[in-house]
N, C-alpha and C. Protein backbone atom coordinates (compact mmCIF):
# COMPACT_ATOMS: atom_id res chain seq x y z
N UNK A 1 2.60 -17.04 6.26
CA UNK A 1 3.43 -15.93 6.70
C UNK A 1 2.58 -14.72 7.10
N UNK A 2 1.30 -14.73 6.75
CA UNK A 2 0.43 -13.61 7.08
C UNK A 2 -0.28 -13.84 8.41
N UNK A 3 0.24 -14.76 9.25
CA UNK A 3 -0.41 -15.07 10.51
C UNK A 3 -0.21 -13.98 11.56
N UNK A 4 0.82 -13.17 11.41
CA UNK A 4 1.09 -12.13 12.39
C UNK A 4 0.06 -11.01 12.25
N UNK A 5 -0.47 -10.53 13.39
CA UNK A 5 -1.41 -9.41 13.32
C UNK A 5 -0.71 -8.13 12.89
N UNK A 6 -1.38 -7.35 12.08
CA UNK A 6 -0.81 -6.10 11.60
C UNK A 6 -1.81 -4.98 11.85
N UNK A 7 -1.35 -3.94 12.55
CA UNK A 7 -2.16 -2.73 12.72
C UNK A 7 -1.69 -1.71 11.69
N UNK A 8 -2.64 -0.91 11.18
CA UNK A 8 -2.30 0.11 10.19
C UNK A 8 -2.94 1.42 10.63
N UNK A 9 -2.09 2.40 10.90
CA UNK A 9 -2.59 3.70 11.33
C UNK A 9 -2.13 4.78 10.38
N UNK A 10 -3.03 5.72 10.03
CA UNK A 10 -2.63 6.80 9.12
C UNK A 10 -1.73 7.81 9.83
N UNK A 11 -0.67 8.20 9.15
CA UNK A 11 0.30 9.15 9.69
C UNK A 11 0.71 10.13 8.60
N UNK A 12 0.82 11.38 8.97
CA UNK A 12 1.31 12.43 8.07
C UNK A 12 2.77 12.66 8.43
N UNK A 13 3.66 12.44 7.46
CA UNK A 13 5.10 12.48 7.72
C UNK A 13 5.79 13.49 6.81
N UNK A 14 6.63 14.32 7.40
CA UNK A 14 7.42 15.28 6.62
C UNK A 14 8.81 14.69 6.43
N UNK A 15 9.17 14.45 5.17
CA UNK A 15 10.50 13.97 4.81
C UNK A 15 11.21 15.08 4.04
N UNK A 16 12.51 14.98 3.86
CA UNK A 16 13.21 16.00 3.06
C UNK A 16 12.66 16.12 1.64
N UNK A 17 12.03 15.05 1.12
CA UNK A 17 11.49 15.07 -0.24
C UNK A 17 10.06 15.57 -0.32
N UNK A 18 9.41 15.81 0.82
CA UNK A 18 8.04 16.31 0.79
C UNK A 18 7.21 15.79 1.95
N UNK A 19 5.93 16.13 1.91
CA UNK A 19 4.98 15.73 2.94
C UNK A 19 4.21 14.51 2.43
N UNK A 20 4.16 13.45 3.23
CA UNK A 20 3.54 12.19 2.82
C UNK A 20 2.49 11.75 3.82
N UNK A 21 1.46 11.08 3.30
CA UNK A 21 0.44 10.48 4.15
C UNK A 21 0.37 9.01 3.78
N UNK A 22 0.38 8.15 4.78
CA UNK A 22 0.31 6.72 4.50
C UNK A 22 -0.07 5.96 5.75
N UNK A 23 -0.21 4.65 5.59
CA UNK A 23 -0.57 3.79 6.71
C UNK A 23 0.70 3.14 7.25
N UNK A 24 1.03 3.42 8.49
CA UNK A 24 2.20 2.80 9.11
C UNK A 24 1.78 1.43 9.63
N UNK A 25 2.55 0.41 9.26
CA UNK A 25 2.22 -0.97 9.61
C UNK A 25 3.12 -1.44 10.74
N UNK A 26 2.52 -2.10 11.73
CA UNK A 26 3.30 -2.62 12.86
C UNK A 26 2.53 -3.76 13.50
N UNK A 27 3.22 -4.49 14.36
CA UNK A 27 2.61 -5.61 15.07
C UNK A 27 2.09 -5.10 16.42
N UNK A 28 0.76 -5.06 16.61
CA UNK A 28 0.19 -4.48 17.84
C UNK A 28 0.44 -5.32 19.09
N UNK A 29 0.89 -6.58 18.94
CA UNK A 29 1.19 -7.40 20.11
C UNK A 29 2.47 -6.95 20.79
N UNK A 30 3.41 -6.42 20.01
CA UNK A 30 4.71 -6.07 20.56
C UNK A 30 5.02 -4.58 20.48
N UNK A 31 4.28 -3.85 19.66
CA UNK A 31 4.61 -2.44 19.42
C UNK A 31 3.35 -1.59 19.46
N UNK A 32 3.55 -0.30 19.68
CA UNK A 32 2.46 0.66 19.44
C UNK A 32 2.96 1.67 18.42
N UNK A 33 2.07 2.49 17.90
CA UNK A 33 2.43 3.41 16.82
C UNK A 33 3.54 4.38 17.25
N UNK A 34 3.45 4.91 18.44
CA UNK A 34 4.45 5.87 18.92
C UNK A 34 5.83 5.22 18.99
N UNK A 35 5.87 3.99 19.48
CA UNK A 35 7.14 3.27 19.57
C UNK A 35 7.76 3.07 18.19
N UNK A 36 6.94 2.66 17.23
CA UNK A 36 7.43 2.42 15.86
C UNK A 36 7.97 3.71 15.25
N UNK A 37 7.25 4.82 15.46
CA UNK A 37 7.66 6.08 14.85
C UNK A 37 8.87 6.70 15.51
N UNK A 38 9.13 6.37 16.77
CA UNK A 38 10.23 7.02 17.48
C UNK A 38 11.48 6.18 17.62
N UNK A 39 11.41 4.87 17.36
CA UNK A 39 12.64 4.08 17.44
C UNK A 39 13.49 4.36 16.20
N UNK A 40 14.77 4.19 16.31
CA UNK A 40 15.70 4.50 15.22
C UNK A 40 15.86 3.32 14.29
N UNK A 41 14.75 2.79 13.83
CA UNK A 41 14.78 1.60 12.99
C UNK A 41 13.92 1.85 11.76
N UNK A 42 13.91 0.87 10.86
CA UNK A 42 13.12 0.99 9.65
C UNK A 42 11.69 0.50 9.90
N UNK A 43 10.74 1.10 9.22
CA UNK A 43 9.36 0.63 9.27
C UNK A 43 8.75 0.86 7.90
N UNK A 44 7.62 0.21 7.66
CA UNK A 44 6.96 0.32 6.36
C UNK A 44 5.75 1.23 6.44
N UNK A 45 5.59 2.05 5.41
CA UNK A 45 4.41 2.88 5.27
C UNK A 45 3.69 2.40 4.02
N UNK A 46 2.46 1.92 4.21
CA UNK A 46 1.70 1.32 3.12
C UNK A 46 0.94 2.39 2.34
N UNK A 47 0.84 2.23 1.03
CA UNK A 47 0.13 3.13 0.12
C UNK A 47 0.45 4.60 0.40
N UNK A 48 1.73 4.96 0.29
CA UNK A 48 2.11 6.37 0.56
C UNK A 48 1.56 7.31 -0.50
N UNK A 49 1.14 8.49 -0.05
CA UNK A 49 0.64 9.54 -0.95
C UNK A 49 1.43 10.81 -0.69
N UNK A 50 1.85 11.46 -1.75
CA UNK A 50 2.52 12.75 -1.64
C UNK A 50 1.44 13.81 -1.50
N UNK A 51 1.57 14.67 -0.51
CA UNK A 51 0.57 15.71 -0.28
C UNK A 51 0.90 16.92 -1.14
N UNK A 52 -0.03 17.27 -2.02
CA UNK A 52 0.16 18.40 -2.93
C UNK A 52 -0.66 19.58 -2.42
N UNK A 53 -0.01 20.73 -2.34
CA UNK A 53 -0.70 21.94 -1.86
C UNK A 53 -1.46 22.59 -3.01
N UNK A 54 -2.78 22.78 -2.80
CA UNK A 54 -3.61 23.44 -3.79
C UNK A 54 -4.36 24.58 -3.11
N UNK A 55 -5.16 25.31 -3.89
CA UNK A 55 -5.90 26.45 -3.34
C UNK A 55 -6.81 26.04 -2.19
N UNK A 56 -7.45 24.88 -2.32
CA UNK A 56 -8.40 24.43 -1.30
C UNK A 56 -7.72 23.69 -0.15
N UNK A 57 -6.42 23.55 -0.19
CA UNK A 57 -5.69 22.85 0.88
C UNK A 57 -4.83 21.73 0.33
N UNK A 58 -4.51 20.78 1.19
CA UNK A 58 -3.67 19.66 0.80
C UNK A 58 -4.50 18.60 0.08
N UNK A 59 -3.86 17.97 -0.90
CA UNK A 59 -4.53 16.97 -1.70
C UNK A 59 -3.59 15.78 -1.87
N UNK A 60 -4.03 14.53 -1.51
CA UNK A 60 -3.13 13.38 -1.62
C UNK A 60 -3.01 12.85 -3.04
N UNK A 61 -1.80 12.54 -3.45
CA UNK A 61 -1.55 11.91 -4.75
C UNK A 61 -0.77 10.63 -4.50
N UNK A 62 -1.42 9.48 -4.71
CA UNK A 62 -0.75 8.20 -4.46
C UNK A 62 0.48 8.06 -5.35
N UNK A 63 1.53 7.49 -4.78
CA UNK A 63 2.78 7.33 -5.53
C UNK A 63 2.76 6.12 -6.45
N UNK A 64 1.75 5.27 -6.30
CA UNK A 64 1.68 4.07 -7.13
C UNK A 64 2.52 2.93 -6.58
N UNK A 65 2.98 3.07 -5.35
CA UNK A 65 3.78 2.02 -4.70
C UNK A 65 2.96 1.42 -3.57
N UNK A 66 2.99 0.10 -3.40
CA UNK A 66 2.23 -0.49 -2.29
C UNK A 66 2.79 -0.08 -0.93
N UNK A 67 4.10 0.16 -0.84
CA UNK A 67 4.67 0.62 0.41
C UNK A 67 6.05 1.22 0.16
N UNK A 68 6.49 2.03 1.11
CA UNK A 68 7.87 2.52 1.11
C UNK A 68 8.44 2.24 2.49
N UNK A 69 9.75 2.09 2.54
CA UNK A 69 10.44 1.85 3.81
C UNK A 69 11.11 3.14 4.25
N UNK A 70 10.87 3.50 5.50
CA UNK A 70 11.39 4.76 6.04
C UNK A 70 12.17 4.46 7.31
N UNK A 71 13.23 5.22 7.55
CA UNK A 71 13.95 5.14 8.81
C UNK A 71 13.63 6.38 9.62
N UNK A 72 13.56 6.23 10.91
CA UNK A 72 13.19 7.34 11.79
C UNK A 72 14.08 8.55 11.58
N UNK A 73 15.34 8.34 11.30
CA UNK A 73 16.26 9.47 11.14
C UNK A 73 15.92 10.32 9.91
N UNK A 74 15.11 9.77 8.98
CA UNK A 74 14.72 10.54 7.79
C UNK A 74 13.55 11.47 8.07
N UNK A 75 12.83 11.24 9.18
CA UNK A 75 11.62 12.00 9.47
C UNK A 75 11.95 13.33 10.13
N UNK A 76 11.45 14.41 9.55
CA UNK A 76 11.64 15.73 10.15
C UNK A 76 10.53 16.04 11.15
N UNK A 77 9.32 15.55 10.84
CA UNK A 77 8.14 15.85 11.65
C UNK A 77 7.05 14.85 11.27
N UNK A 78 6.21 14.49 12.22
CA UNK A 78 5.07 13.62 11.90
C UNK A 78 3.90 13.94 12.82
N UNK A 79 2.71 13.56 12.38
CA UNK A 79 1.52 13.70 13.22
C UNK A 79 0.55 12.57 12.90
N UNK A 80 -0.16 12.15 13.93
CA UNK A 80 -1.21 11.15 13.76
C UNK A 80 -2.59 11.82 13.79
N UNK A 81 -2.61 13.13 14.05
CA UNK A 81 -3.87 13.89 14.08
C UNK A 81 -4.09 14.49 12.70
N UNK A 82 -4.79 13.74 11.85
CA UNK A 82 -5.02 14.16 10.47
C UNK A 82 -6.45 14.65 10.35
N UNK A 83 -6.68 15.82 9.75
CA UNK A 83 -8.06 16.30 9.59
C UNK A 83 -8.92 15.25 8.88
N UNK A 84 -10.16 15.10 9.35
CA UNK A 84 -11.06 14.05 8.83
C UNK A 84 -11.26 14.18 7.32
N UNK A 85 -11.38 15.41 6.81
CA UNK A 85 -11.60 15.61 5.37
C UNK A 85 -10.40 15.11 4.56
N UNK A 86 -9.21 15.40 5.05
CA UNK A 86 -7.99 14.97 4.38
C UNK A 86 -7.87 13.44 4.42
N UNK A 87 -8.20 12.86 5.56
CA UNK A 87 -8.14 11.41 5.69
C UNK A 87 -9.16 10.73 4.78
N UNK A 88 -10.35 11.30 4.67
CA UNK A 88 -11.37 10.75 3.78
C UNK A 88 -10.93 10.82 2.32
N UNK A 89 -10.29 11.93 1.95
CA UNK A 89 -9.76 12.06 0.57
C UNK A 89 -8.75 10.97 0.31
N UNK A 90 -7.83 10.77 1.26
CA UNK A 90 -6.78 9.76 1.11
C UNK A 90 -7.40 8.37 0.98
N UNK A 91 -8.36 8.05 1.84
CA UNK A 91 -8.97 6.73 1.82
C UNK A 91 -9.75 6.48 0.54
N UNK A 92 -10.28 7.53 -0.07
CA UNK A 92 -11.01 7.35 -1.32
C UNK A 92 -10.10 6.97 -2.47
N UNK A 93 -8.80 7.23 -2.35
CA UNK A 93 -7.84 6.87 -3.39
C UNK A 93 -7.20 5.51 -3.18
N UNK A 94 -7.36 4.94 -1.98
CA UNK A 94 -6.70 3.67 -1.70
C UNK A 94 -7.24 2.57 -2.60
N UNK A 95 -6.36 1.74 -3.16
CA UNK A 95 -6.82 0.65 -4.02
C UNK A 95 -7.63 -0.38 -3.22
N UNK A 96 -7.30 -0.56 -1.95
CA UNK A 96 -8.08 -1.42 -1.05
C UNK A 96 -7.74 -1.03 0.37
N UNK A 97 -8.59 -1.42 1.29
CA UNK A 97 -8.34 -1.08 2.69
C UNK A 97 -7.56 -2.15 3.42
N UNK A 98 -7.43 -3.33 2.84
CA UNK A 98 -6.72 -4.40 3.51
C UNK A 98 -7.62 -5.06 4.55
N UNK A 99 -7.04 -5.95 5.31
CA UNK A 99 -7.82 -6.67 6.32
C UNK A 99 -8.12 -5.76 7.49
N UNK A 100 -9.40 -5.57 7.77
CA UNK A 100 -9.79 -4.79 8.93
C UNK A 100 -9.76 -3.29 8.70
N UNK A 101 -9.35 -2.84 7.54
CA UNK A 101 -9.33 -1.40 7.26
C UNK A 101 -8.27 -0.69 8.07
N UNK A 102 -8.50 0.57 8.33
CA UNK A 102 -7.56 1.39 9.09
C UNK A 102 -7.90 1.23 10.56
N UNK A 103 -6.90 0.87 11.36
CA UNK A 103 -7.16 0.73 12.79
C UNK A 103 -6.87 2.05 13.50
N UNK A 104 -7.28 2.13 14.72
CA UNK A 104 -7.02 3.35 15.49
C UNK A 104 -8.28 4.16 15.67
N UNK A 105 -8.14 5.37 16.22
CA UNK A 105 -9.31 6.18 16.52
C UNK A 105 -10.08 6.62 15.29
N UNK A 106 -9.38 6.85 14.18
CA UNK A 106 -10.04 7.30 12.95
C UNK A 106 -10.19 6.10 12.03
N UNK A 107 -11.34 5.48 12.07
CA UNK A 107 -11.58 4.26 11.29
C UNK A 107 -11.96 4.60 9.86
N UNK A 108 -11.77 3.64 8.99
CA UNK A 108 -12.16 3.79 7.59
C UNK A 108 -13.68 3.77 7.50
N UNK A 109 -14.25 4.40 6.47
CA UNK A 109 -15.70 4.34 6.31
C UNK A 109 -16.16 2.90 6.10
N UNK A 110 -17.40 2.61 6.49
CA UNK A 110 -17.94 1.26 6.42
C UNK A 110 -18.11 0.77 5.00
N UNK A 111 -18.40 1.67 4.07
CA UNK A 111 -18.63 1.24 2.69
C UNK A 111 -17.32 0.81 2.05
N UNK A 112 -17.32 -0.25 1.26
CA UNK A 112 -16.09 -0.68 0.60
C UNK A 112 -15.68 0.34 -0.46
N UNK A 113 -14.36 0.58 -0.53
CA UNK A 113 -13.87 1.60 -1.46
C UNK A 113 -13.47 1.01 -2.81
N UNK A 114 -13.30 -0.31 -2.86
CA UNK A 114 -12.86 -0.86 -4.13
C UNK A 114 -14.06 -1.12 -5.04
N UNK A 115 -13.83 -0.99 -6.31
CA UNK A 115 -14.89 -1.18 -7.29
C UNK A 115 -15.08 -2.68 -7.51
N UNK A 116 -16.31 -3.12 -7.73
CA UNK A 116 -16.51 -4.55 -7.99
C UNK A 116 -15.83 -4.95 -9.29
N UNK A 117 -15.15 -6.07 -9.22
CA UNK A 117 -14.41 -6.56 -10.39
C UNK A 117 -15.27 -7.58 -11.11
N UNK A 118 -15.46 -7.36 -12.40
CA UNK A 118 -16.24 -8.32 -13.18
C UNK A 118 -15.30 -9.42 -13.66
N UNK A 119 -15.72 -10.68 -13.49
CA UNK A 119 -14.85 -11.77 -13.95
C UNK A 119 -14.71 -11.74 -15.47
N UNK A 120 -13.51 -11.99 -15.90
CA UNK A 120 -13.25 -12.01 -17.34
C UNK A 120 -13.68 -13.36 -17.92
N UNK A 121 -14.28 -13.30 -19.06
CA UNK A 121 -14.65 -14.53 -19.76
C UNK A 121 -13.41 -15.12 -20.41
N UNK A 122 -13.25 -16.43 -20.27
CA UNK A 122 -12.09 -17.07 -20.87
C UNK A 122 -12.28 -17.12 -22.38
N UNK A 123 -11.26 -16.76 -23.13
CA UNK A 123 -11.40 -16.83 -24.59
C UNK A 123 -11.51 -18.28 -25.04
N UNK A 124 -12.47 -18.55 -25.89
CA UNK A 124 -12.66 -19.90 -26.41
C UNK A 124 -11.73 -20.13 -27.59
N UNK A 125 -11.21 -21.35 -27.64
CA UNK A 125 -10.31 -21.68 -28.74
C UNK A 125 -11.14 -21.99 -29.98
N UNK A 126 -10.70 -21.48 -31.07
CA UNK A 126 -11.36 -21.79 -32.34
C UNK A 126 -10.84 -23.14 -32.81
N UNK A 127 -11.72 -23.88 -33.44
CA UNK A 127 -11.33 -25.21 -33.89
C UNK A 127 -10.23 -25.15 -34.94
N UNK A 128 -10.27 -24.10 -35.76
CA UNK A 128 -9.26 -24.02 -36.81
C UNK A 128 -7.92 -23.46 -36.30
N UNK A 129 -7.89 -23.07 -34.99
CA UNK A 129 -6.65 -22.52 -34.44
C UNK A 129 -5.60 -23.62 -34.35
N UNK A 130 -4.43 -23.35 -34.85
CA UNK A 130 -3.38 -24.35 -34.84
C UNK A 130 -2.55 -24.24 -33.57
N UNK A 131 -2.16 -25.39 -33.05
CA UNK A 131 -1.29 -25.41 -31.87
C UNK A 131 0.12 -25.69 -32.37
N UNK A 132 1.00 -24.78 -32.09
CA UNK A 132 2.39 -24.92 -32.52
C UNK A 132 3.20 -25.40 -31.31
N UNK A 133 3.77 -26.61 -31.36
CA UNK A 133 4.52 -27.12 -30.21
C UNK A 133 5.81 -26.34 -29.99
N UNK A 134 6.18 -26.20 -28.72
CA UNK A 134 7.43 -25.52 -28.36
C UNK A 134 8.59 -26.43 -28.77
N UNK A 135 9.63 -25.86 -29.41
CA UNK A 135 10.75 -26.71 -29.84
C UNK A 135 11.44 -27.34 -28.63
N UNK A 136 11.60 -28.67 -28.70
CA UNK A 136 12.20 -29.41 -27.60
C UNK A 136 13.71 -29.42 -27.77
N UNK A 137 14.39 -29.18 -26.65
CA UNK A 137 15.86 -29.18 -26.69
C UNK A 137 16.33 -30.61 -26.92
N UNK A 138 17.17 -30.79 -27.92
CA UNK A 138 17.68 -32.11 -28.24
C UNK A 138 18.86 -32.42 -27.34
N UNK A 139 18.89 -33.66 -26.88
CA UNK A 139 20.03 -34.08 -26.06
C UNK A 139 21.15 -34.51 -26.99
N UNK A 140 22.26 -33.84 -26.82
CA UNK A 140 23.44 -34.17 -27.60
C UNK A 140 24.35 -35.06 -26.76
N UNK A 141 25.02 -36.00 -27.39
CA UNK A 141 25.85 -36.94 -26.61
C UNK A 141 26.95 -36.24 -25.81
N UNK A 142 27.51 -35.13 -26.31
CA UNK A 142 28.63 -34.49 -25.60
C UNK A 142 28.14 -33.45 -24.59
N UNK A 143 26.85 -33.19 -24.49
CA UNK A 143 26.32 -32.17 -23.56
C UNK A 143 25.82 -32.84 -22.29
N UNK A 144 26.70 -33.03 -21.31
CA UNK A 144 26.29 -33.62 -20.03
C UNK A 144 26.80 -32.79 -18.91
């Protein structure tokens, strides 16, 4: 099911609930980013971050959701021109960049952002550990 090509472009979107930054996902064979953002249909925004205003400017805070679904009618304003510093901050929080990273004019940095995962050692069974069998459901003559 993952055979379809997916483009992911960073977009800053103003919704009634706040300002969000995320990767808008679409099929580049049939759509472009502008078409997806302007049609009156639903689309997915991957790894959305709520933009928090601080003294030094905007700061992304990931919502902890892999994606949210948005309808064009919910959008008050959007831009694809995101300051490089803000985009770099956002990308540093992403759990992974996905296949091919961020597409479009502002590419993701070449260095991988995810931390190397150390394989977990399988716990060894102790010889004195007892195995307790799961109780088997008995077949009763009247239960058919």
